[in-house]
């Protein structure tokens, strides 16, 4: 289990992998699986700020720095060839969490 600092770094690494498009997209399905397994959206530190979100959808769609500011359909398109990542992603996107809070 990652701590809040490590979760923050994983979130940053994952969205940077997605947005840079420099050939590192092949790493993205593995990163998104880890984001889901660690439930990174629930509680992470970003530049010393604690961020808590209710679900994966909020992490993906909320504007930075709370989220990634991305279109969920684009994320799905990148992972579509990885069956396990796609299944985990679709399941996580259905889940509803607790209310959004930020400290």
Protein backbone atom coordinates (compact mmCIF):
# COMPACT_ATOMS: atom_id res chain seq x y z
CA UNK A 1 0.00 0.00 0.00
CA UNK A 2 1.37 3.38 -1.01
CA UNK A 3 1.45 6.35 1.33
CA UNK A 4 -0.12 9.72 0.38
CA UNK A 5 3.13 11.09 -1.05
CA UNK A 6 3.68 7.99 -3.21
CA UNK A 7 0.06 8.10 -4.39
CA UNK A 8 0.55 11.73 -5.40
CA UNK A 9 3.64 10.83 -7.38
CA UNK A 10 1.88 7.89 -9.05
CA UNK A 11 -0.97 10.21 -10.10
CA UNK A 12 1.53 12.68 -11.57
CA UNK A 13 3.53 9.98 -13.35
CA UNK A 14 0.36 8.49 -14.84
CA UNK A 15 -1.08 11.71 -16.23
CA UNK A 16 2.33 12.79 -17.55
CA UNK A 17 2.66 9.45 -19.33
CA UNK A 18 -0.75 10.05 -20.89
CA UNK A 19 -0.16 13.66 -21.92
CA UNK A 20 3.43 13.57 -23.17
CA UNK A 21 2.78 11.10 -25.98
CA UNK A 22 6.50 10.55 -26.40
CA UNK A 23 6.30 6.80 -26.83
CA UNK A 24 5.74 6.17 -23.15
CA UNK A 25 2.04 5.45 -23.72
CA UNK A 26 2.90 1.76 -23.71
CA UNK A 27 3.45 2.16 -19.94
CA UNK A 28 0.05 3.80 -19.43
CA UNK A 29 -2.14 0.67 -19.04
CA UNK A 30 0.13 -0.62 -16.26
CA UNK A 31 0.10 2.75 -14.54
CA UNK A 32 -3.69 3.07 -14.68
CA UNK A 33 -4.03 -0.43 -13.22
CA UNK A 34 -1.83 0.63 -10.34
CA UNK A 35 -3.79 3.89 -9.85
CA UNK A 36 -6.95 1.79 -9.57
CA UNK A 37 -5.43 -0.87 -7.30
CA UNK A 38 -4.05 1.80 -4.95
CA UNK A 39 -7.23 3.91 -5.13
CA UNK A 40 -5.04 6.95 -5.64
CA UNK A 41 -8.01 9.33 -5.87
CA UNK A 42 -9.06 8.72 -2.26
CA UNK A 43 -6.20 10.53 -0.56
CA UNK A 44 -2.97 11.87 -2.03
CA UNK A 45 -0.52 14.71 -1.55
CA UNK A 46 0.22 17.05 -4.41
CA UNK A 47 2.86 19.70 -3.72
CA UNK A 48 2.07 19.56 -0.01
CA UNK A 49 -1.69 19.81 -0.52
CA UNK A 50 -3.94 16.95 0.57
CA UNK A 51 -6.44 16.01 -2.14
CA UNK A 52 -9.34 13.63 -1.64
CA UNK A 53 -11.74 12.68 -4.42
CA UNK A 54 -14.75 10.34 -4.38
CA UNK A 55 -13.84 8.15 -7.37
CA UNK A 56 -11.67 7.55 -10.41
CA UNK A 57 -13.96 9.62 -12.63
CA UNK A 58 -13.32 12.67 -10.45
CA UNK A 59 -9.55 12.10 -10.63
CA UNK A 60 -9.71 11.95 -14.42
CA UNK A 61 -12.15 14.78 -15.09
CA UNK A 62 -11.57 17.40 -12.42
CA UNK A 63 -9.26 20.21 -13.43
CA UNK A 64 -5.67 20.20 -12.20
CA UNK A 65 -4.45 20.12 -9.50
CA UNK A 66 -7.35 18.22 -7.96
CA UNK A 67 -7.60 15.99 -11.01
CA UNK A 68 -6.13 15.41 -14.44
CA UNK A 69 -8.58 17.43 -16.55
CA UNK A 70 -8.88 14.62 -19.11
CA UNK A 71 -11.67 13.03 -21.14
CA UNK A 72 -12.47 9.51 -19.82
CA UNK A 73 -13.11 8.33 -23.40
CA UNK A 74 -9.56 9.25 -24.39
CA UNK A 75 -8.17 7.33 -21.42
CA UNK A 76 -10.25 4.31 -22.42
CA UNK A 77 -9.03 4.56 -26.03
CA UNK A 78 -5.40 4.34 -24.90
CA UNK A 79 -5.98 1.21 -22.78
CA UNK A 80 -8.43 -0.57 -25.09
CA UNK A 81 -5.86 -3.17 -26.18
CA UNK A 82 -5.09 -4.22 -22.59
CA UNK A 83 -8.07 -6.36 -21.58
CA UNK A 84 -7.31 -6.39 -17.85
CA UNK A 85 -6.67 -2.63 -17.69
CA UNK A 86 -9.86 -1.97 -19.64
CA UNK A 87 -11.96 -4.20 -17.38
CA UNK A 88 -10.55 -2.62 -14.21
CA UNK A 89 -11.03 0.86 -15.64
CA UNK A 90 -14.64 0.29 -16.65
CA UNK A 91 -15.49 -1.19 -13.26
CA UNK A 92 -13.79 1.65 -11.38
CA UNK A 93 -15.57 4.24 -13.51
CA UNK A 94 -18.94 2.78 -12.45
CA UNK A 95 -18.21 3.00 -8.74
CA UNK A 96 -19.46 5.88 -6.67
CA UNK A 97 -17.52 6.99 -3.63
CA UNK A 98 -17.97 9.30 -0.70
CA UNK A 99 -18.45 13.04 -1.12
CA UNK A 100 -15.56 15.08 -2.47
CA UNK A 101 -13.55 16.74 0.27
CA UNK A 102 -10.34 18.64 0.36
CA UNK A 103 -8.25 19.76 3.30
